Amino acid sequence: MSQDPNSTSGPLHDLEQWEDDLRNRYPEEIGQWTSDSTKQADQFRDYAATVKPEVREFYRLNHRLQTLDFVRQKRREYLTLDKRKMGLWDGLEFLNTLIDDSDPDTSLPQIEHLLQTAEAIRRDGHPRWFVLTGLIHDFGKVLCLFGEPQWAVVGDTFPVGCRYSDKVVFSEFFAVNPDAEVAEYQTECGIYRPGCGLDEVLMSWGHDEYMYHVVKHYLPLEALYMIRYHSFYAAHRESAYQQLWNDQDRHYLRFVQQFNPYDLYTKAAVRPNVQELRSYYEDLWTEFFPDQLAF
């Protein structure tokens, strides 16, 4: 399958297909978060044999093109946060343009999907900052609307500038990444100090890292870990890259594990009443953020 690496269309049918694939790869919690799954856990185990070709192609592109130089370039381009200013409903309505009719898991607009996540967190009695994190954790996907290709927006994240872990999904595709030929980048810690902490590590570029920088001055550290590392499955599900962790990471990655079931397993056919919930979430937004956030 050929794919122009500069194309914004990408190999996935839509961005939600990546999250569908995550549920296929990590099915353990499905029973406690949904009531309509017909698959048993053992039906998910042979992941390599069942993954869809378009998902495999997505990771081939992602692992080939996410280089250290690419990440540094995107940080220079986007972390000035001068693309657009948005309030809560501006952002949600902007994200709605990403929803594609081919999403096999839900036909709900993005507003309703994010509200489902936030409402599940709210029902379980978590703090207000946690509820807000559920609502806004995917806002960074506006990168697609700024012209970025899918492989630079979603996908499992991983450090660049050090040896790739075989715990990263489809790690074999890193063999064609140009950084694989740079000896300095292919030691256990690469360009980093052992135990330097993830905050000192450059992660592959995508919506997680971008949104972290948008909100890093407004939310508690627990929330920032949830936003920044919720796609870093090699770490919080497979315990990879521990040579780079510090004590803070060991403590706060537990909050990412607490968050991820809400992210993956709260899609449901019951539609939230957007108008009834709007005032609650507008008040929640203004409790933590200015009226307009810089993206």
C-alpha atoms as a PDB file:
ATOM      1  CA  MET A   1       0.000   0.000   0.000  1.00  0.00           C
ATOM      2  CA  SER A   2       1.557   3.284  -1.028  1.00  0.00           C
ATOM      3  CA  GLN A   3       1.036   6.461   0.928  1.00  0.00           C
ATOM      4  CA  ASP A   4       2.287   9.983   0.462  1.00  0.00           C
ATOM      5  CA  PRO A   5       3.895  10.815   3.832  1.00  0.00           C
ATOM      6  CA  ASN A   6       2.879  14.466   3.390  1.00  0.00           C
ATOM      7  CA  SER A   7      -0.757  13.652   2.742  1.00  0.00           C
ATOM      8  CA  THR A   8      -3.342  14.742   5.317  1.00  0.00           C
ATOM      9  CA  SER A   9      -5.717  11.900   4.413  1.00  0.00           C
ATOM     10  CA  GLY A  10      -3.639   9.099   5.933  1.00  0.00           C
ATOM     11  CA  PRO A  11      -4.110   5.314   5.892  1.00  0.00           C
ATOM     12  CA  LEU A  12      -6.789   5.263   8.625  1.00  0.00           C
ATOM     13  CA  HIS A  13     -10.401   5.769   7.651  1.00  0.00           C
ATOM     14  CA  ASP A  14     -10.666   8.260  10.510  1.00  0.00           C
ATOM     15  CA  LEU A  15      -8.815   9.125  13.707  1.00  0.00           C
ATOM     16  CA  GLU A  16     -11.161   7.104  15.897  1.00  0.00           C
ATOM     17  CA  GLN A  17     -10.026   3.924  14.122  1.00  0.00           C
ATOM     18  CA  TRP A  18      -6.764   4.126  16.068  1.00  0.00           C
ATOM     19  CA  GLU A  19      -8.699   4.063  19.361  1.00  0.00           C
ATOM     20  CA  ASP A  20     -10.790   1.150  18.092  1.00  0.00           C
ATOM     21  CA  ASP A  21      -7.526  -0.686  17.480  1.00  0.00           C
ATOM     22  CA  LEU A  22      -6.347   0.096  21.020  1.00  0.00           C
ATOM     23  CA  ARG A  23      -9.470  -1.533  22.415  1.00  0.00           C
ATOM     24  CA  ASN A  24      -8.634  -4.577  20.313  1.00  0.00           C
ATOM     25  CA  ARG A  25      -5.059  -4.606  21.612  1.00  0.00           C
ATOM     26  CA  TYR A  26      -5.895  -3.961  25.275  1.00  0.00           C
ATOM     27  CA  PRO A  27      -9.259  -5.636  25.902  1.00  0.00           C
ATOM     28  CA  GLU A  28      -8.889  -6.445  29.584  1.00  0.00           C
ATOM     29  CA  GLU A  29     -11.163  -3.726  30.947  1.00  0.00           C
ATOM     30  CA  ILE A  30     -13.942  -4.003  28.357  1.00  0.00           C
ATOM     31  CA  GLY A  31     -16.176  -6.099  30.591  1.00  0.00           C
ATOM     32  CA  GLN A  32     -16.308  -3.486  33.318  1.00  0.00           C
ATOM     33  CA  TRP A  33     -16.813  -0.490  31.023  1.00  0.00           C
ATOM     34  CA  THR A  34     -19.320  -1.722  28.424  1.00  0.00           C
ATOM     35  CA  SER A  35     -22.327  -3.972  28.532  1.00  0.00           C
ATOM     36  CA  ASP A  36     -22.711  -4.714  24.846  1.00  0.00           C
ATOM     37  CA  SER A  37     -19.409  -6.394  23.910  1.00  0.00           C
ATOM     38  CA  THR A  38     -19.932  -9.813  22.302  1.00  0.00           C
ATOM     39  CA  LYS A  39     -16.240 -10.731  22.126  1.00  0.00           C
ATOM     40  CA  GLN A  40     -14.499 -12.795  24.775  1.00  0.00           C
ATOM     41  CA  ALA A  41     -11.020 -11.796  25.936  1.00  0.00           C
ATOM     42  CA  ASP A  42      -9.301 -14.723  24.206  1.00  0.00           C
ATOM     43  CA  GLN A  43     -10.652 -13.510  20.849  1.00  0.00           C
ATOM     44  CA  PHE A  44      -8.409 -10.449  21.099  1.00  0.00           C
ATOM     45  CA  ARG A  45      -5.110 -12.142  21.895  1.00  0.00           C
ATOM     46  CA  ASP A  46      -3.676 -12.753  18.434  1.00  0.00           C
ATOM     47  CA  TYR A  47      -3.288  -9.061  17.749  1.00  0.00           C
ATOM     48  CA  ALA A  48      -0.696  -9.329  14.977  1.00  0.00           C
ATOM     49  CA  ALA A  49      -2.921 -11.657  12.993  1.00  0.00           C
ATOM     50  CA  THR A  50      -6.073  -9.582  13.329  1.00  0.00           C
ATOM     51  CA  VAL A  51      -4.858  -6.006  12.935  1.00  0.00           C
ATOM     52  CA  LYS A  52      -6.372  -4.221   9.956  1.00  0.00           C
ATOM     53  CA  PRO A  53      -4.052  -3.417   7.021  1.00  0.00           C
ATOM     54  CA  GLU A  54      -4.768   0.312   7.240  1.00  0.00           C
ATOM     55  CA  VAL A  55      -3.714   0.346  10.906  1.00  0.00           C
ATOM     56  CA  ARG A  56      -0.496  -1.502  10.057  1.00  0.00           C
ATOM     57  CA  GLU A  57       0.190   1.042   7.303  1.00  0.00           C
ATOM     58  CA  PHE A  58      -0.468   3.885   9.728  1.00  0.00           C
ATOM     59  CA  TYR A  59       2.212   2.583  12.084  1.00  0.00           C
ATOM     60  CA  ARG A  60       4.623   1.958   9.233  1.00  0.00           C
ATOM     61  CA  LEU A  61       4.406   5.665   8.370  1.00  0.00           C
ATOM     62  CA  ASN A  62       4.457   6.814  11.983  1.00  0.00           C
ATOM     63  CA  HIS A  63       7.535   4.797  12.906  1.00  0.00           C
ATOM     64  CA  ARG A  64       9.412   5.752   9.750  1.00  0.00           C
ATOM     65  CA  LEU A  65       8.740   9.494   9.877  1.00  0.00           C
ATOM     66  CA  GLN A  66       8.737  10.391  13.591  1.00  0.00           C
ATOM     67  CA  THR A  67      12.408  11.348  13.877  1.00  0.00           C
ATOM     68  CA  LEU A  68      14.170  13.518  16.435  1.00  0.00           C
ATOM     69  CA  ASP A  69      14.550  16.295  13.853  1.00  0.00           C
ATOM     70  CA  PHE A  70      10.856  16.062  12.941  1.00  0.00           C
ATOM     71  CA  VAL A  71       9.807  16.383  16.585  1.00  0.00           C
ATOM     72  CA  ARG A  72      12.053  19.391  17.113  1.00  0.00           C
ATOM     73  CA  GLN A  73      10.651  20.996  13.980  1.00  0.00           C
ATOM     74  CA  LYS A  74       7.038  20.530  15.109  1.00  0.00           C
ATOM     75  CA  ARG A  75       7.776  21.865  18.572  1.00  0.00           C
ATOM     76  CA  ARG A  76       9.221  25.017  17.000  1.00  0.00           C
ATOM     77  CA  GLU A  77       6.209  25.319  14.704  1.00  0.00           C
ATOM     78  CA  TYR A  78       3.410  24.729  17.204  1.00  0.00           C
ATOM     79  CA  LEU A  79       4.583  25.502  20.725  1.00  0.00           C
ATOM     80  CA  THR A  80       4.453  29.229  20.081  1.00  0.00           C
ATOM     81  CA  LEU A  81       0.679  28.629  20.449  1.00  0.00           C
ATOM     82  CA  ASP A  82      -0.216  31.272  17.911  1.00  0.00           C
ATOM     83  CA  LYS A  83      -2.452  29.293  15.522  1.00  0.00           C
ATOM     84  CA  ARG A  84      -5.844  30.114  16.983  1.00  0.00           C
ATOM     85  CA  LYS A  85      -7.640  31.094  20.193  1.00  0.00           C
ATOM     86  CA  MET A  86     -10.622  29.003  21.245  1.00  0.00           C
ATOM     87  CA  GLY A  87     -13.074  28.757  24.079  1.00  0.00           C
ATOM     88  CA  LEU A  88     -14.716  25.509  25.138  1.00  0.00           C
ATOM     89  CA  TRP A  89     -17.537  25.437  22.619  1.00  0.00           C
ATOM     90  CA  ASP A  90     -15.374  26.895  19.842  1.00  0.00           C
ATOM     91  CA  GLY A  91     -12.965  24.003  20.358  1.00  0.00           C
ATOM     92  CA  LEU A  92     -15.630  21.313  20.540  1.00  0.00           C
ATOM     93  CA  GLU A  93     -17.379  22.540  17.402  1.00  0.00           C
ATOM     94  CA  PHE A  94     -14.043  22.799  15.602  1.00  0.00           C
ATOM     95  CA  LEU A  95     -13.255  19.195  16.561  1.00  0.00           C
ATOM     96  CA  ASN A  96     -16.638  18.075  15.261  1.00  0.00           C
ATOM     97  CA  THR A  97     -15.381  18.527  11.721  1.00  0.00           C
ATOM     98  CA  LEU A  98     -13.037  15.556  12.316  1.00  0.00           C
ATOM     99  CA  ILE A  99     -15.872  13.049  12.741  1.00  0.00           C
ATOM    100  CA  ASP A 100     -16.229  10.690   9.813  1.00  0.00           C
ATOM    101  CA  ASP A 101     -19.246   8.536   8.968  1.00  0.00           C
ATOM    102  CA  SER A 102     -16.948   5.515   8.615  1.00  0.00           C
ATOM    103  CA  ASP A 103     -16.255   5.313  12.376  1.00  0.00           C
ATOM    104  CA  PRO A 104     -17.521   1.770  13.128  1.00  0.00           C
ATOM    105  CA  ASP A 105     -17.792   2.312  16.870  1.00  0.00           C
ATOM    106  CA  THR A 106     -20.016   5.367  17.146  1.00  0.00           C
ATOM    107  CA  SER A 107     -21.910   7.812  15.003  1.00  0.00           C
ATOM    108  CA  LEU A 108     -21.802  10.474  17.719  1.00  0.00           C
ATOM    109  CA  PRO A 109     -20.227  13.853  17.037  1.00  0.00           C
ATOM    110  CA  GLN A 110     -16.986  14.612  18.852  1.00  0.00           C
ATOM    111  CA  ILE A 111     -18.795  16.849  21.375  1.00  0.00           C
ATOM    112  CA  GLU A 112     -20.923  13.923  22.491  1.00  0.00           C
ATOM    113  CA  HIS A 113     -18.056  11.437  22.575  1.00  0.00           C
ATOM    114  CA  LEU A 114     -15.993  13.730  24.820  1.00  0.00           C
ATOM    115  CA  LEU A 115     -19.013  14.411  27.010  1.00  0.00           C
ATOM    116  CA  GLN A 116     -19.497  10.659  27.444  1.00  0.00           C
ATOM    117  CA  THR A 117     -15.917  10.362  28.698  1.00  0.00           C
ATOM    118  CA  ALA A 118     -16.253  13.318  31.048  1.00  0.00           C
ATOM    119  CA  GLU A 119     -19.656  12.220  32.342  1.00  0.00           C
ATOM    120  CA  ALA A 120     -18.346   8.732  33.173  1.00  0.00           C
ATOM    121  CA  ILE A 121     -15.551  10.316  35.204  1.00  0.00           C
ATOM    122  CA  ARG A 122     -18.049  12.646  36.871  1.00  0.00           C
ATOM    123  CA  ARG A 123     -20.426   9.795  37.773  1.00  0.00           C
ATOM    124  CA  ASP A 124     -17.582   8.021  39.551  1.00  0.00           C
ATOM    125  CA  GLY A 125     -17.104  11.013  41.841  1.00  0.00           C
ATOM    126  CA  HIS A 126     -13.667  12.124  40.681  1.00  0.00           C
ATOM    127  CA  PRO A 127     -12.384  15.694  41.226  1.00  0.00           C
ATOM    128  CA  ARG A 128     -13.517  18.461  38.900  1.00  0.00           C
ATOM    129  CA  TRP A 129     -10.081  18.759  37.299  1.00  0.00           C
ATOM    130  CA  PHE A 130     -10.335  15.059  36.368  1.00  0.00           C
ATOM    131  CA  VAL A 131     -13.751  15.598  34.761  1.00  0.00           C
ATOM    132  CA  LEU A 132     -12.381  18.526  32.750  1.00  0.00           C
ATOM    133  CA  THR A 133      -9.389  16.425  31.658  1.00  0.00           C
ATOM    134  CA  GLY A 134     -11.780  13.825  30.260  1.00  0.00           C
ATOM    135  CA  LEU A 135     -13.530  16.517  28.270  1.00  0.00           C
ATOM    136  CA  ILE A 136     -10.464  18.185  26.748  1.00  0.00           C
ATOM    137  CA  HIS A 137      -7.836  15.434  26.513  1.00  0.00           C
ATOM    138  CA  ASP A 138      -8.361  15.015  22.745  1.00  0.00           C
ATOM    139  CA  PHE A 139      -8.483  18.718  21.883  1.00  0.00           C
ATOM    140  CA  GLY A 140      -4.962  18.396  20.478  1.00  0.00           C
ATOM    141  CA  LYS A 141      -6.435  16.544  17.506  1.00  0.00           C
ATOM    142  CA  VAL A 142      -7.057  19.986  16.027  1.00  0.00           C
ATOM    143  CA  LEU A 143      -3.576  19.399  14.588  1.00  0.00           C
ATOM    144  CA  CYS A 144      -5.377  17.608  11.751  1.00  0.00           C
ATOM    145  CA  LEU A 145      -7.405  20.736  11.119  1.00  0.00           C
ATOM    146  CA  PHE A 146      -4.151  22.723  11.005  1.00  0.00           C
ATOM    147  CA  GLY A 147      -2.990  20.449   8.159  1.00  0.00           C
ATOM    148  CA  GLU A 148      -1.013  17.741   9.959  1.00  0.00           C
ATOM    149  CA  PRO A 149      -1.197  14.144   8.640  1.00  0.00           C
ATOM    150  CA  GLN A 150      -2.692  11.434  10.817  1.00  0.00           C
ATOM    151  CA  TRP A 151       0.666   9.861  11.681  1.00  0.00           C
ATOM    152  CA  ALA A 152       1.663  13.192  13.305  1.00  0.00           C
ATOM    153  CA  VAL A 153      -1.552  13.496  15.332  1.00  0.00           C
ATOM    154  CA  VAL A 154      -2.516  10.099  16.776  1.00  0.00           C
ATOM    155  CA  GLY A 155      -0.809   6.777  17.425  1.00  0.00           C
ATOM    156  CA  ASP A 156       1.067   5.280  20.348  1.00  0.00           C
ATOM    157  CA  THR A 157       3.731   7.729  21.471  1.00  0.00           C
ATOM    158  CA  PHE A 158       7.374   6.917  22.269  1.00  0.00           C
ATOM    159  CA  PRO A 159      10.634   8.747  23.028  1.00  0.00           C
ATOM    160  CA  VAL A 160      12.822   9.871  20.163  1.00  0.00           C
ATOM    161  CA  GLY A 161      16.583  10.231  20.490  1.00  0.00           C
ATOM    162  CA  CYS A 162      17.134   6.899  22.240  1.00  0.00           C
ATOM    163  CA  ARG A 163      16.874   3.179  21.461  1.00  0.00           C
ATOM    164  CA  TYR A 164      13.387   2.049  20.484  1.00  0.00           C
ATOM    165  CA  SER A 165      11.699  -0.406  22.805  1.00  0.00           C
ATOM    166  CA  ASP A 166      10.275  -3.622  21.400  1.00  0.00           C
ATOM    167  CA  LYS A 167       7.255  -2.904  23.639  1.00  0.00           C
ATOM    168  CA  VAL A 168       6.135  -0.212  21.189  1.00  0.00           C
ATOM    169  CA  VAL A 169       3.508  -1.616  18.836  1.00  0.00           C
ATOM    170  CA  PHE A 170       5.003  -2.657  15.460  1.00  0.00           C
ATOM    171  CA  SER A 171       8.496  -1.812  16.682  1.00  0.00           C
ATOM    172  CA  GLU A 172       9.932  -3.615  13.650  1.00  0.00           C
ATOM    173  CA  PHE A 173       8.973  -0.616  11.521  1.00  0.00           C
ATOM    174  CA  PHE A 174      11.564   1.520  13.332  1.00  0.00           C
ATOM    175  CA  ALA A 175      14.217  -0.235  11.227  1.00  0.00           C
ATOM    176  CA  VAL A 176      13.537   2.202   8.369  1.00  0.00           C
ATOM    177  CA  ASN A 177      13.514   5.324  10.550  1.00  0.00           C
ATOM    178  CA  PRO A 178      16.623   7.407   9.699  1.00  0.00           C
ATOM    179  CA  ASP A 179      17.392   7.735  13.419  1.00  0.00           C
ATOM    180  CA  ALA A 180      18.006   3.989  13.542  1.00  0.00           C
ATOM    181  CA  GLU A 181      21.273   4.695  11.696  1.00  0.00           C
ATOM    182  CA  VAL A 182      22.484   7.271  14.250  1.00  0.00           C
ATOM    183  CA  ALA A 183      24.589   5.459  16.833  1.00  0.00           C
ATOM    184  CA  GLU A 184      24.154   8.191  19.467  1.00  0.00           C
ATOM    185  CA  TYR A 185      20.370   7.707  19.350  1.00  0.00           C
ATOM    186  CA  GLN A 186      20.465   3.930  19.652  1.00  0.00           C
ATOM    187  CA  THR A 187      21.899   3.423  23.110  1.00  0.00           C
ATOM    188  CA  GLU A 188      19.613   2.648  26.039  1.00  0.00           C
ATOM    189  CA  CYS A 189      19.363   6.310  27.082  1.00  0.00           C
ATOM    190  CA  GLY A 190      20.488   7.944  23.834  1.00  0.00           C
ATOM    191  CA  ILE A 191      20.783  11.727  24.203  1.00  0.00           C
ATOM    192  CA  TYR A 192      19.323  11.648  27.744  1.00  0.00           C
ATOM    193  CA  ARG A 193      20.739  11.027  31.224  1.00  0.00           C
ATOM    194  CA  PRO A 194      19.640   7.873  33.063  1.00  0.00           C
ATOM    195  CA  GLY A 195      16.758   8.734  35.358  1.00  0.00           C
ATOM    196  CA  CYS A 196      16.394  12.220  33.894  1.00  0.00           C
ATOM    197  CA  GLY A 197      12.591  12.028  34.032  1.00  0.00           C
ATOM    198  CA  LEU A 198      10.100  12.017  31.179  1.00  0.00           C
ATOM    199  CA  ASP A 199       9.754  15.787  31.316  1.00  0.00           C
ATOM    200  CA  GLU A 200      13.300  15.970  29.868  1.00  0.00           C
ATOM    201  CA  VAL A 201      12.514  13.461  27.099  1.00  0.00           C
ATOM    202  CA  LEU A 202      11.305  14.411  23.624  1.00  0.00           C
ATOM    203  CA  MET A 203       8.270  12.305  22.724  1.00  0.00           C
ATOM    204  CA  SER A 204       7.000  11.541  19.232  1.00  0.00           C
ATOM    205  CA  TRP A 205       4.821  14.397  18.036  1.00  0.00           C
ATOM    206  CA  GLY A 206       1.047  14.245  18.314  1.00  0.00           C
ATOM    207  CA  HIS A 207      -2.097  15.499  20.008  1.00  0.00           C
ATOM    208  CA  ASP A 208      -0.965  14.418  23.500  1.00  0.00           C
ATOM    209  CA  GLU A 209       2.212  16.486  23.592  1.00  0.00           C
ATOM    210  CA  TYR A 210       0.576  19.444  21.876  1.00  0.00           C
ATOM    211  CA  MET A 211      -2.380  19.630  24.273  1.00  0.00           C
ATOM    212  CA  TYR A 212      -0.085  19.289  27.273  1.00  0.00           C
ATOM    213  CA  HIS A 213       1.672  22.492  26.262  1.00  0.00           C
ATOM    214  CA  VAL A 214      -1.654  24.270  25.683  1.00  0.00           C
ATOM    215  CA  VAL A 215      -2.855  23.600  29.261  1.00  0.00           C
ATOM    216  CA  LYS A 216       0.327  23.024  31.287  1.00  0.00           C
ATOM    217  CA  HIS A 217      -0.045  26.251  33.291  1.00  0.00           C
ATOM    218  CA  TYR A 218      -3.648  25.598  34.324  1.00  0.00           C
ATOM    219  CA  LEU A 219      -4.138  22.016  35.535  1.00  0.00           C
ATOM    220  CA  PRO A 220      -2.641  19.897  38.334  1.00  0.00           C
ATOM    221  CA  LEU A 221       0.221  17.549  37.552  1.00  0.00           C
ATOM    222  CA  GLU A 222      -2.045  14.491  37.720  1.00  0.00           C
ATOM    223  CA  ALA A 223      -4.107  15.899  34.839  1.00  0.00           C
ATOM    224  CA  LEU A 224      -1.029  16.887  32.856  1.00  0.00           C
ATOM    225  CA  TYR A 225       0.322  13.331  33.009  1.00  0.00           C
ATOM    226  CA  MET A 226      -3.055  12.018  31.806  1.00  0.00           C
ATOM    227  CA  ILE A 227      -3.025  14.383  28.831  1.00  0.00           C
ATOM    228  CA  ARG A 228       0.655  14.099  27.935  1.00  0.00           C
ATOM    229  CA  TYR A 229       1.136  10.352  28.295  1.00  0.00           C
ATOM    230  CA  HIS A 230      -2.231   8.705  27.689  1.00  0.00           C
ATOM    231  CA  SER A 231      -0.921   7.351  24.353  1.00  0.00           C
ATOM    232  CA  PHE A 232       2.442   6.250  25.807  1.00  0.00           C
ATOM    233  CA  TYR A 233       1.273   2.640  26.124  1.00  0.00           C
ATOM    234  CA  ALA A 234       4.798   1.215  26.092  1.00  0.00           C
ATOM    235  CA  ALA A 235       5.362   2.933  29.445  1.00  0.00           C
ATOM    236  CA  HIS A 236       2.095   2.850  31.353  1.00  0.00           C
ATOM    237  CA  ARG A 237       0.970  -0.572  30.103  1.00  0.00           C
ATOM    238  CA  GLU A 238       4.269  -2.333  29.314  1.00  0.00           C
ATOM    239  CA  SER A 239       6.661  -0.596  31.788  1.00  0.00           C
ATOM    240  CA  ALA A 240       9.155   0.234  29.036  1.00  0.00           C
ATOM    241  CA  TYR A 241      11.732   3.054  29.130  1.00  0.00           C
ATOM    242  CA  GLN A 242      12.127   2.852  32.897  1.00  0.00           C
ATOM    243  CA  GLN A 243      15.796   3.815  32.499  1.00  0.00           C
ATOM    244  CA  LEU A 244      14.507   7.347  31.818  1.00  0.00           C
ATOM    245  CA  TRP A 245      11.893   7.548  34.585  1.00  0.00           C
ATOM    246  CA  ASN A 246      12.374   9.429  37.815  1.00  0.00           C
ATOM    247  CA  ASP A 247      10.415   9.179  41.060  1.00  0.00           C
ATOM    248  CA  GLN A 248       7.829  11.657  39.817  1.00  0.00           C
ATOM    249  CA  ASP A 249       7.116   9.497  36.765  1.00  0.00           C
ATOM    250  CA  ARG A 250       6.772   6.358  38.857  1.00  0.00           C
ATOM    251  CA  HIS A 251       4.168   8.112  40.985  1.00  0.00           C
ATOM    252  CA  TYR A 252       2.185  10.020  38.371  1.00  0.00           C
ATOM    253  CA  LEU A 253       2.015   7.409  35.603  1.00  0.00           C
ATOM    254  CA  ARG A 254      -0.458   5.652  37.906  1.00  0.00           C
ATOM    255  CA  PHE A 255      -2.907   8.453  37.175  1.00  0.00           C
ATOM    256  CA  VAL A 256      -2.584   7.739  33.447  1.00  0.00           C
ATOM    257  CA  GLN A 257      -3.570   4.138  34.167  1.00  0.00           C
ATOM    258  CA  GLN A 258      -6.571   5.409  36.106  1.00  0.00           C
ATOM    259  CA  PHE A 259      -7.605   7.644  33.226  1.00  0.00           C
ATOM    260  CA  ASN A 260      -7.213   5.300  30.262  1.00  0.00           C
ATOM    261  CA  PRO A 261     -10.250   3.062  30.837  1.00  0.00           C
ATOM    262  CA  TYR A 262     -12.437   6.168  30.670  1.00  0.00           C
ATOM    263  CA  ASP A 263     -10.733   7.155  27.434  1.00  0.00           C
ATOM    264  CA  LEU A 264     -11.113   3.760  25.758  1.00  0.00           C
ATOM    265  CA  TYR A 265     -14.243   2.142  27.110  1.00  0.00           C
ATOM    266  CA  THR A 266     -16.936   4.794  27.611  1.00  0.00           C
ATOM    267  CA  LYS A 267     -18.347   4.975  24.092  1.00  0.00           C
ATOM    268  CA  ALA A 268     -22.042   4.116  24.251  1.00  0.00           C
ATOM    269  CA  ALA A 269     -25.136   4.411  22.115  1.00  0.00           C
ATOM    270  CA  VAL A 270     -26.929   6.536  24.735  1.00  0.00           C
ATOM    271  CA  ARG A 271     -26.455  10.118  23.657  1.00  0.00           C
ATOM    272  CA  PRO A 272     -25.716  12.787  26.259  1.00  0.00           C
ATOM    273  CA  ASN A 273     -28.009  15.807  26.283  1.00  0.00           C
ATOM    274  CA  VAL A 274     -25.576  18.446  25.103  1.00  0.00           C
ATOM    275  CA  GLN A 275     -27.761  21.436  25.920  1.00  0.00           C
ATOM    276  CA  GLU A 276     -28.508  20.254  29.447  1.00  0.00           C
ATOM    277  CA  LEU A 277     -24.793  19.705  30.134  1.00  0.00           C
ATOM    278  CA  ARG A 278     -23.497  22.823  28.429  1.00  0.00           C
ATOM    279  CA  SER A 279     -23.748  25.216  31.387  1.00  0.00           C
ATOM    280  CA  TYR A 280     -22.037  22.747  33.742  1.00  0.00           C
ATOM    281  CA  TYR A 281     -19.040  22.335  31.445  1.00  0.00           C
ATOM    282  CA  GLU A 282     -18.816  26.014  30.613  1.00  0.00           C
ATOM    283  CA  ASP A 283     -18.597  26.734  34.346  1.00  0.00           C
ATOM    284  CA  LEU A 284     -15.990  23.971  34.716  1.00  0.00           C
ATOM    285  CA  TRP A 285     -13.925  25.436  31.874  1.00  0.00           C
ATOM    286  CA  THR A 286     -13.906  28.931  33.407  1.00  0.00           C
ATOM    287  CA  GLU A 287     -12.924  27.510  36.797  1.00  0.00           C
ATOM    288  CA  PHE A 288      -9.559  26.401  35.360  1.00  0.00           C
ATOM    289  CA  PHE A 289      -8.987  28.197  32.044  1.00  0.00           C
ATOM    290  CA  PRO A 290      -9.275  31.697  30.615  1.00  0.00           C
ATOM    291  CA  ASP A 291     -12.240  32.231  28.328  1.00  0.00           C
ATOM    292  CA  GLN A 292      -9.989  31.750  25.289  1.00  0.00           C
ATOM    293  CA  LEU A 293      -7.092  29.290  25.205  1.00  0.00           C
ATOM    294  CA  ALA A 294      -4.183  29.823  22.819  1.00  0.00           C
ATOM    295  CA  PHE A 295      -3.571  26.914  20.421  1.00  0.00           C
END
